[in-house]
PDB file of all heavy atoms in Angstrom:
ATOM      1  N   GLY A   1       0.578 -17.232   9.813  1.00  0.00           N
ATOM      2  CA  GLY A   1       0.637 -16.109  10.728  1.00  0.00           C
ATOM      3  C   GLY A   1       0.000 -14.852  10.159  1.00  0.00           C
ATOM      4  O   GLY A   1      -0.541 -14.878   9.088  1.00  0.00           O
ATOM      5  N   SER A   2       0.145 -13.762  10.908  1.00  0.00           N
ATOM      6  CA  SER A   2      -0.484 -12.497  10.562  1.00  0.00           C
ATOM      7  C   SER A   2       0.533 -11.379  10.695  1.00  0.00           C
ATOM      8  O   SER A   2       1.430 -11.430  11.527  1.00  0.00           O
ATOM      9  CB  SER A   2      -1.649 -12.199  11.468  1.00  0.00           C
ATOM     10  OG  SER A   2      -2.671 -13.160  11.327  1.00  0.00           O
ATOM     11  N   LEU A   3       0.306 -10.354   9.886  1.00  0.00           N
ATOM     12  CA  LEU A   3       1.034  -9.089   9.970  1.00  0.00           C
ATOM     13  C   LEU A   3       0.077  -7.948   9.694  1.00  0.00           C
ATOM     14  O   LEU A   3      -0.868  -8.160   8.902  1.00  0.00           O
ATOM     15  CB  LEU A   3       2.225  -9.044   8.969  1.00  0.00           C
ATOM     16  CG  LEU A   3       3.501  -9.812   9.303  1.00  0.00           C
ATOM     17  CD1 LEU A   3       4.434  -9.669   8.113  1.00  0.00           C
ATOM     18  CD2 LEU A   3       4.155  -9.265  10.557  1.00  0.00           C
ATOM     19  N   ARG A   4       0.345  -6.762  10.188  1.00  0.00           N
ATOM     20  CA  ARG A   4      -0.396  -5.586   9.810  1.00  0.00           C
ATOM     21  C   ARG A   4       0.591  -4.527   9.319  1.00  0.00           C
ATOM     22  O   ARG A   4       1.509  -4.114  10.081  1.00  0.00           O
ATOM     23  CB  ARG A   4      -1.214  -4.989  10.977  1.00  0.00           C
ATOM     24  CG  ARG A   4      -2.155  -3.882  10.500  1.00  0.00           C
ATOM     25  CD  ARG A   4      -3.028  -3.376  11.592  1.00  0.00           C
ATOM     26  NE  ARG A   4      -2.318  -2.416  12.481  1.00  0.00           N
ATOM     27  CZ  ARG A   4      -2.949  -1.503  13.183  1.00  0.00           C
ATOM     28  NH1 ARG A   4      -4.265  -1.364  13.137  1.00  0.00           N
ATOM     29  NH2 ARG A   4      -2.231  -0.728  13.975  1.00  0.00           N
ATOM     30  N   LEU A   5       0.427  -4.156   8.078  1.00  0.00           N
ATOM     31  CA  LEU A   5       1.248  -3.124   7.461  1.00  0.00           C
ATOM     32  C   LEU A   5       0.552  -1.761   7.671  1.00  0.00           C
ATOM     33  O   LEU A   5      -0.688  -1.686   7.684  1.00  0.00           O
ATOM     34  CB  LEU A   5       1.441  -3.334   6.010  1.00  0.00           C
ATOM     35  CG  LEU A   5       2.019  -4.684   5.579  1.00  0.00           C
ATOM     36  CD1 LEU A   5       2.234  -4.728   4.065  1.00  0.00           C
ATOM     37  CD2 LEU A   5       3.280  -4.997   6.358  1.00  0.00           C
ATOM     38  N   SER A   6       1.371  -0.746   7.889  1.00  0.00           N
ATOM     39  CA  SER A   6       0.844   0.654   8.035  1.00  0.00           C
ATOM     40  C   SER A   6       1.519   1.518   6.991  1.00  0.00           C
ATOM     41  O   SER A   6       2.664   1.319   6.573  1.00  0.00           O
ATOM     42  CB  SER A   6       1.155   1.194   9.427  1.00  0.00           C
ATOM     43  OG  SER A   6       0.566   0.424  10.424  1.00  0.00           O
ATOM     44  N   CYS A   7       0.778   2.534   6.564  1.00  0.00           N
ATOM     45  CA  CYS A   7       1.304   3.511   5.600  1.00  0.00           C
ATOM     46  C   CYS A   7       0.828   4.898   6.080  1.00  0.00           C
ATOM     47  O   CYS A   7      -0.351   5.185   5.976  1.00  0.00           O
ATOM     48  CB  CYS A   7       0.804   3.209   4.194  1.00  0.00           C
ATOM     49  SG  CYS A   7       1.228   4.464   2.994  1.00  0.00           S
ATOM     50  N   ALA A   8       1.792   5.672   6.563  1.00  0.00           N
ATOM     51  CA  ALA A   8       1.434   6.992   7.139  1.00  0.00           C
ATOM     52  C   ALA A   8       1.679   8.048   6.056  1.00  0.00           C
ATOM     53  O   ALA A   8       2.759   8.112   5.449  1.00  0.00           O
ATOM     54  CB  ALA A   8       2.308   7.298   8.360  1.00  0.00           C
ATOM     55  N   ALA A   9       0.680   8.879   5.822  1.00  0.00           N
ATOM     56  CA  ALA A   9       0.770   9.935   4.815  1.00  0.00           C
ATOM     57  C   ALA A   9       1.067  11.282   5.468  1.00  0.00           C
ATOM     58  O   ALA A   9       0.604  11.597   6.600  1.00  0.00           O
ATOM     59  CB  ALA A   9      -0.492  10.055   4.040  1.00  0.00           C
ATOM     60  N   SER A  10       1.787  12.136   4.773  1.00  0.00           N
ATOM     61  CA  SER A  10       2.217  13.440   5.338  1.00  0.00           C
ATOM     62  C   SER A  10       1.163  14.502   5.003  1.00  0.00           C
ATOM     63  O   SER A  10       1.396  15.677   5.402  1.00  0.00           O
ATOM     64  CB  SER A  10       3.555  13.831   4.759  1.00  0.00           C
ATOM     65  OG  SER A  10       3.446  14.000   3.347  1.00  0.00           O
ATOM     66  N   ARG A  11       0.053  14.151   4.409  1.00  0.00           N
ATOM     67  CA  ARG A  11      -0.909  15.158   3.989  1.00  0.00           C
ATOM     68  C   ARG A  11      -2.288  14.765   4.446  1.00  0.00           C
ATOM     69  O   ARG A  11      -2.604  13.594   4.523  1.00  0.00           O
ATOM     70  CB  ARG A  11      -0.848  15.236   2.440  1.00  0.00           C
ATOM     71  CG  ARG A  11      -1.802  16.218   1.794  1.00  0.00           C
ATOM     72  CD  ARG A  11      -1.447  16.373   0.348  1.00  0.00           C
ATOM     73  NE  ARG A  11      -2.492  17.092  -0.423  1.00  0.00           N
ATOM     74  CZ  ARG A  11      -2.338  17.476  -1.654  1.00  0.00           C
ATOM     75  NH1 ARG A  11      -1.212  17.255  -2.302  1.00  0.00           N
ATOM     76  NH2 ARG A  11      -3.292  18.070  -2.288  1.00  0.00           N
ATOM     77  N   THR A  12      -3.096  15.749   4.774  1.00  0.00           N
ATOM     78  CA  THR A  12      -4.445  15.489   5.214  1.00  0.00           C
ATOM     79  C   THR A  12      -5.374  15.378   3.998  1.00  0.00           C
ATOM     80  O   THR A  12      -4.934  15.447   2.864  1.00  0.00           O
ATOM     81  CB  THR A  12      -4.948  16.654   6.125  1.00  0.00           C
ATOM     82  OG1 THR A  12      -4.858  17.884   5.340  1.00  0.00           O
ATOM     83  CG2 THR A  12      -4.072  16.784   7.346  1.00  0.00           C
ATOM     84  N   GLY A  13      -6.661  15.154   4.291  1.00  0.00           N
ATOM     85  CA  GLY A  13      -7.612  14.905   3.179  1.00  0.00           C
ATOM     86  C   GLY A  13      -7.509  13.506   2.682  1.00  0.00           C
ATOM     87  O   GLY A  13      -7.913  13.173   1.577  1.00  0.00           O
ATOM     88  N   PHE A  14      -6.975  12.656   3.540  1.00  0.00           N
ATOM     89  CA  PHE A  14      -6.646  11.279   3.250  1.00  0.00           C
ATOM     90  C   PHE A  14      -7.791  10.529   2.610  1.00  0.00           C
ATOM     91  O   PHE A  14      -7.620   9.745   1.688  1.00  0.00           O
ATOM     92  CB  PHE A  14      -6.286  10.700   4.595  1.00  0.00           C
ATOM     93  CG  PHE A  14      -5.538   9.406   4.557  1.00  0.00           C
ATOM     94  CD1 PHE A  14      -4.227   9.387   4.234  1.00  0.00           C
ATOM     95  CD2 PHE A  14      -6.182   8.233   4.888  1.00  0.00           C
ATOM     96  CE1 PHE A  14      -3.506   8.199   4.222  1.00  0.00           C
ATOM     97  CE2 PHE A  14      -5.490   7.046   4.882  1.00  0.00           C
ATOM     98  CZ  PHE A  14      -4.176   7.046   4.550  1.00  0.00           C
ATOM     99  N   ASN A  15      -8.975  10.723   3.151  1.00  0.00           N
ATOM    100  CA  ASN A  15     -10.098   9.884   2.751  1.00  0.00           C
ATOM    101  C   ASN A  15     -10.604  10.211   1.334  1.00  0.00           C
ATOM    102  O   ASN A  15     -11.449   9.464   0.780  1.00  0.00           O
ATOM    103  CB  ASN A  15     -11.274  10.031   3.704  1.00  0.00           C
ATOM    104  CG  ASN A  15     -11.705  11.466   3.897  1.00  0.00           C
ATOM    105  OD1 ASN A  15     -10.911  12.361   3.991  1.00  0.00           O
ATOM    106  ND2 ASN A  15     -13.014  11.645   3.880  1.00  0.00           N
ATOM    107  N   ARG A  16     -10.072  11.290   0.700  1.00  0.00           N
ATOM    108  CA  ARG A  16     -10.516  11.604  -0.652  1.00  0.00           C
ATOM    109  C   ARG A  16      -9.645  10.941  -1.703  1.00  0.00           C
ATOM    110  O   ARG A  16     -10.014  10.986  -2.918  1.00  0.00           O
ATOM    111  CB  ARG A  16     -10.445  13.113  -0.864  1.00  0.00           C
ATOM    112  CG  ARG A  16     -11.342  13.892   0.060  1.00  0.00           C
ATOM    113  CD  ARG A  16     -11.484  15.344  -0.468  1.00  0.00           C
ATOM    114  NE  ARG A  16     -10.201  16.035  -0.551  1.00  0.00           N
ATOM    115  CZ  ARG A  16      -9.706  16.778   0.403  1.00  0.00           C
ATOM    116  NH1 ARG A  16     -10.318  16.928   1.547  1.00  0.00           N
ATOM    117  NH2 ARG A  16      -8.538  17.397   0.225  1.00  0.00           N
ATOM    118  N   TYR A  17      -8.557  10.317  -1.327  1.00  0.00           N
ATOM    119  CA  TYR A  17      -7.647   9.766  -2.315  1.00  0.00           C
ATOM    120  C   TYR A  17      -8.010   8.301  -2.632  1.00  0.00           C
ATOM    121  O   TYR A  17      -8.490   7.554  -1.762  1.00  0.00           O
ATOM    122  CB  TYR A  17      -6.223   9.797  -1.831  1.00  0.00           C
ATOM    123  CG  TYR A  17      -5.756  11.129  -1.248  1.00  0.00           C
ATOM    124  CD1 TYR A  17      -4.814  11.187  -0.250  1.00  0.00           C
ATOM    125  CD2 TYR A  17      -6.274  12.345  -1.690  1.00  0.00           C
ATOM    126  CE1 TYR A  17      -4.387  12.374   0.268  1.00  0.00           C
ATOM    127  CE2 TYR A  17      -5.868  13.544  -1.162  1.00  0.00           C
ATOM    128  CZ  TYR A  17      -4.930  13.547  -0.174  1.00  0.00           C
ATOM    129  OH  TYR A  17      -4.531  14.727   0.359  1.00  0.00           O
ATOM    130  N   ALA A  18      -7.674   7.938  -3.880  1.00  0.00           N
ATOM    131  CA  ALA A  18      -7.596   6.472  -4.198  1.00  0.00           C
ATOM    132  C   ALA A  18      -6.316   6.005  -3.682  1.00  0.00           C
ATOM    133  O   ALA A  18      -5.245   6.493  -4.046  1.00  0.00           O
ATOM    134  CB  ALA A  18      -7.678   6.292  -5.707  1.00  0.00           C
ATOM    135  N   MET A  19      -6.326   5.013  -2.801  1.00  0.00           N
ATOM    136  CA  MET A  19      -5.110   4.517  -2.159  1.00  0.00           C
ATOM    137  C   MET A  19      -5.161   2.991  -2.086  1.00  0.00           C
ATOM    138  O   MET A  19      -6.237   2.384  -2.146  1.00  0.00           O
ATOM    139  CB  MET A  19      -5.017   5.012  -0.702  1.00  0.00           C
ATOM    140  CG  MET A  19      -4.927   6.537  -0.614  1.00  0.00           C
ATOM    141  SD  MET A  19      -4.571   7.064   1.079  1.00  0.00           S
ATOM    142  CE  MET A  19      -2.836   6.539   1.248  1.00  0.00           C
ATOM    143  N   GLY A  20      -3.979   2.410  -1.930  1.00  0.00           N
ATOM    144  CA  GLY A  20      -3.945   0.974  -1.830  1.00  0.00           C
ATOM    145  C   GLY A  20      -2.534   0.418  -1.652  1.00  0.00           C
ATOM    146  O   GLY A  20      -1.613   1.158  -1.330  1.00  0.00           O
ATOM    147  N   TRP A  21      -2.465  -0.856  -1.869  1.00  0.00           N
ATOM    148  CA  TRP A  21      -1.217  -1.604  -1.667  1.00  0.00           C
ATOM    149  C   TRP A  21      -0.923  -2.453  -2.929  1.00  0.00           C
ATOM    150  O   TRP A  21      -1.809  -3.174  -3.407  1.00  0.00           O
ATOM    151  CB  TRP A  21      -1.338  -2.569  -0.470  1.00  0.00           C
ATOM    152  CG  TRP A  21      -1.518  -1.879   0.835  1.00  0.00           C
ATOM    153  CD1 TRP A  21      -2.694  -1.496   1.441  1.00  0.00           C
ATOM    154  CD2 TRP A  21      -0.478  -1.434   1.740  1.00  0.00           C
ATOM    155  NE1 TRP A  21      -2.415  -0.894   2.636  1.00  0.00           N
ATOM    156  CE2 TRP A  21      -1.085  -0.834   2.828  1.00  0.00           C
ATOM    157  CE3 TRP A  21       0.916  -1.494   1.669  1.00  0.00           C
ATOM    158  CZ2 TRP A  21      -0.343  -0.314   3.894  1.00  0.00           C
ATOM    159  CZ3 TRP A  21       1.624  -0.997   2.722  1.00  0.00           C
ATOM    160  CH2 TRP A  21       1.009  -0.419   3.833  1.00  0.00           C
ATOM    161  N   TYR A  22       0.303  -2.372  -3.353  1.00  0.00           N
ATOM    162  CA  TYR A  22       0.868  -3.292  -4.356  1.00  0.00           C
ATOM    163  C   TYR A  22       1.889  -4.118  -3.685  1.00  0.00           C
ATOM    164  O   TYR A  22       2.399  -3.856  -2.562  1.00  0.00           O
ATOM    165  CB  TYR A  22       1.509  -2.498  -5.507  1.00  0.00           C
ATOM    166  CG  TYR A  22       0.636  -2.019  -6.590  1.00  0.00           C
ATOM    167  CD1 TYR A  22      -0.143  -0.887  -6.430  1.00  0.00           C
ATOM    168  CD2 TYR A  22       0.571  -2.716  -7.797  1.00  0.00           C
ATOM    169  CE1 TYR A  22      -0.917  -0.443  -7.486  1.00  0.00           C
ATOM    170  CE2 TYR A  22      -0.232  -2.265  -8.844  1.00  0.00           C
ATOM    171  CZ  TYR A  22      -0.959  -1.132  -8.675  1.00  0.00           C
ATOM    172  OH  TYR A  22      -1.793  -0.684  -9.678  1.00  0.00           O
ATOM    173  N   ARG A  23       2.270  -5.219  -4.330  1.00  0.00           N
ATOM    174  CA  ARG A  23       3.416  -6.004  -3.894  1.00  0.00           C
ATOM    175  C   ARG A  23       4.193  -6.485  -5.104  1.00  0.00           C
ATOM    176  O   ARG A  23       3.677  -6.592  -6.216  1.00  0.00           O
ATOM    177  CB  ARG A  23       2.984  -7.191  -3.078  1.00  0.00           C
ATOM    178  CG  ARG A  23       2.194  -8.273  -3.819  1.00  0.00           C
ATOM    179  CD  ARG A  23       1.713  -9.360  -2.850  1.00  0.00           C
ATOM    180  NE  ARG A  23       0.960 -10.385  -3.515  1.00  0.00           N
ATOM    181  CZ  ARG A  23       0.330 -11.396  -2.912  1.00  0.00           C
ATOM    182  NH1 ARG A  23       0.364 -11.430  -1.551  1.00  0.00           N
ATOM    183  NH2 ARG A  23      -0.357 -12.279  -3.613  1.00  0.00           N
ATOM    184  N   GLN A  24       5.482  -6.727  -4.864  1.00  0.00           N
ATOM    185  CA  GLN A  24       6.312  -7.261  -5.953  1.00  0.00           C
ATOM    186  C   GLN A  24       7.246  -8.287  -5.358  1.00  0.00           C
ATOM    187  O   GLN A  24       8.072  -8.008  -4.467  1.00  0.00           O
ATOM    188  CB  GLN A  24       7.113  -6.109  -6.573  1.00  0.00           C
ATOM    189  CG  GLN A  24       7.887  -6.551  -7.818  1.00  0.00           C
ATOM    190  CD  GLN A  24       8.366  -5.409  -8.667  1.00  0.00           C
ATOM    191  OE1 GLN A  24       8.504  -4.249  -8.220  1.00  0.00           O
ATOM    192  NE2 GLN A  24       8.626  -5.651  -9.914  1.00  0.00           N
ATOM    193  N   ALA A  25       7.145  -9.470  -5.894  1.00  0.00           N
ATOM    194  CA  ALA A  25       8.013 -10.560  -5.532  1.00  0.00           C
ATOM    195  C   ALA A  25       9.174 -10.642  -6.521  1.00  0.00           C
ATOM    196  O   ALA A  25       9.059 -10.121  -7.620  1.00  0.00           O
ATOM    197  CB  ALA A  25       7.238 -11.896  -5.550  1.00  0.00           C
ATOM    198  N   PRO A  26      10.312 -11.218  -6.064  1.00  0.00           N
ATOM    199  CA  PRO A  26      11.471 -11.293  -6.986  1.00  0.00           C
ATOM    200  C   PRO A  26      11.141 -11.992  -8.342  1.00  0.00           C
ATOM    201  O   PRO A  26      10.499 -13.061  -8.315  1.00  0.00           O
ATOM    202  CB  PRO A  26      12.466 -12.144  -6.139  1.00  0.00           C
ATOM    203  CG  PRO A  26      12.056 -11.917  -4.751  1.00  0.00           C
ATOM    204  CD  PRO A  26      10.570 -11.767  -4.778  1.00  0.00           C
ATOM    205  N   GLY A  27      11.522 -11.324  -9.409  1.00  0.00           N
ATOM    206  CA  GLY A  27      11.326 -11.888 -10.744  1.00  0.00           C
ATOM    207  C   GLY A  27       9.842 -11.805 -11.210  1.00  0.00           C
ATOM    208  O   GLY A  27       9.532 -12.343 -12.288  1.00  0.00           O
ATOM    209  N   LYS A  28       8.977 -11.116 -10.468  1.00  0.00           N
ATOM    210  CA  LYS A  28       7.580 -11.012 -10.864  1.00  0.00           C
ATOM    211  C   LYS A  28       7.196  -9.569 -11.033  1.00  0.00           C
ATOM    212  O   LYS A  28       7.852  -8.631 -10.505  1.00  0.00           O
ATOM    213  CB  LYS A  28       6.684 -11.693  -9.827  1.00  0.00           C
ATOM    214  CG  LYS A  28       6.846 -13.154  -9.727  1.00  0.00           C
ATOM    215  CD  LYS A  28       5.844 -13.816  -8.826  1.00  0.00           C
ATOM    216  CE  LYS A  28       5.992 -15.304  -8.795  1.00  0.00           C
ATOM    217  NZ  LYS A  28       4.963 -15.944  -7.910  1.00  0.00           N
ATOM    218  N   GLN A  29       6.102  -9.369 -11.786  1.00  0.00           N
ATOM    219  CA  GLN A  29       5.599  -8.021 -11.935  1.00  0.00           C
ATOM    220  C   GLN A  29       4.890  -7.531 -10.649  1.00  0.00           C
ATOM    221  O   GLN A  29       4.401  -8.317  -9.879  1.00  0.00           O
ATOM    222  CB  GLN A  29       4.571  -7.989 -13.105  1.00  0.00           C
ATOM    223  CG  GLN A  29       5.196  -8.137 -14.459  1.00  0.00           C
ATOM    224  CD  GLN A  29       4.211  -7.935 -15.607  1.00  0.00           C
ATOM    225  OE1 GLN A  29       3.037  -8.131 -15.472  1.00  0.00           O
ATOM    226  NE2 GLN A  29       4.728  -7.476 -16.707  1.00  0.00           N
ATOM    227  N   ARG A  30       4.794  -6.199 -10.534  1.00  0.00           N
ATOM    228  CA  ARG A  30       4.125  -5.648  -9.407  1.00  0.00           C
ATOM    229  C   ARG A  30       2.632  -5.975  -9.524  1.00  0.00           C
ATOM    230  O   ARG A  30       2.043  -5.854 -10.603  1.00  0.00           O
ATOM    231  CB  ARG A  30       4.294  -4.116  -9.379  1.00  0.00           C
ATOM    232  CG  ARG A  30       3.883  -3.467  -8.107  1.00  0.00           C
ATOM    233  CD  ARG A  30       4.319  -2.013  -8.044  1.00  0.00           C
ATOM    234  NE  ARG A  30       5.784  -1.912  -7.815  1.00  0.00           N
ATOM    235  CZ  ARG A  30       6.401  -0.793  -7.500  1.00  0.00           C
ATOM    236  NH1 ARG A  30       5.723   0.318  -7.312  1.00  0.00           N
ATOM    237  NH2 ARG A  30       7.713  -0.745  -7.292  1.00  0.00           N
ATOM    238  N   GLU A  31       2.042  -6.367  -8.386  1.00  0.00           N
ATOM    239  CA  GLU A  31       0.665  -6.809  -8.367  1.00  0.00           C
ATOM    240  C   GLU A  31      -0.146  -5.976  -7.429  1.00  0.00           C
ATOM    241  O   GLU A  31       0.261  -5.745  -6.295  1.00  0.00           O
ATOM    242  CB  GLU A  31       0.620  -8.281  -7.897  1.00  0.00           C
ATOM    243  CG  GLU A  31      -0.715  -8.845  -7.640  1.00  0.00           C
ATOM    244  CD  GLU A  31      -0.708 -10.210  -6.954  1.00  0.00           C
ATOM    245  OE1 GLU A  31       0.310 -10.470  -6.259  1.00  0.00           O
ATOM    246  OE2 GLU A  31      -1.679 -10.966  -7.044  1.00  0.00           O
ATOM    247  N   LEU A  32      -1.354  -5.538  -7.848  1.00  0.00           N
ATOM    248  CA  LEU A  32      -2.245  -4.781  -6.982  1.00  0.00           C
ATOM    249  C   LEU A  32      -2.878  -5.798  -5.993  1.00  0.00           C
ATOM    250  O   LEU A  32      -3.517  -6.777  -6.431  1.00  0.00           O
ATOM    251  CB  LEU A  32      -3.351  -4.093  -7.809  1.00  0.00           C
ATOM    252  CG  LEU A  32      -4.347  -3.299  -6.984  1.00  0.00           C
ATOM    253  CD1 LEU A  32      -3.678  -2.180  -6.222  1.00  0.00           C
ATOM    254  CD2 LEU A  32      -5.412  -2.722  -7.920  1.00  0.00           C
TER     255      LEU A  32
END
């Protein structure tokens, strides 16, 4: 299946930032 995650920021100038997604599964390190 599919999902789409969203992340809304409270500040403008969005496109100038380095941004991304990490994930962390139980018992595992956070992964980029």
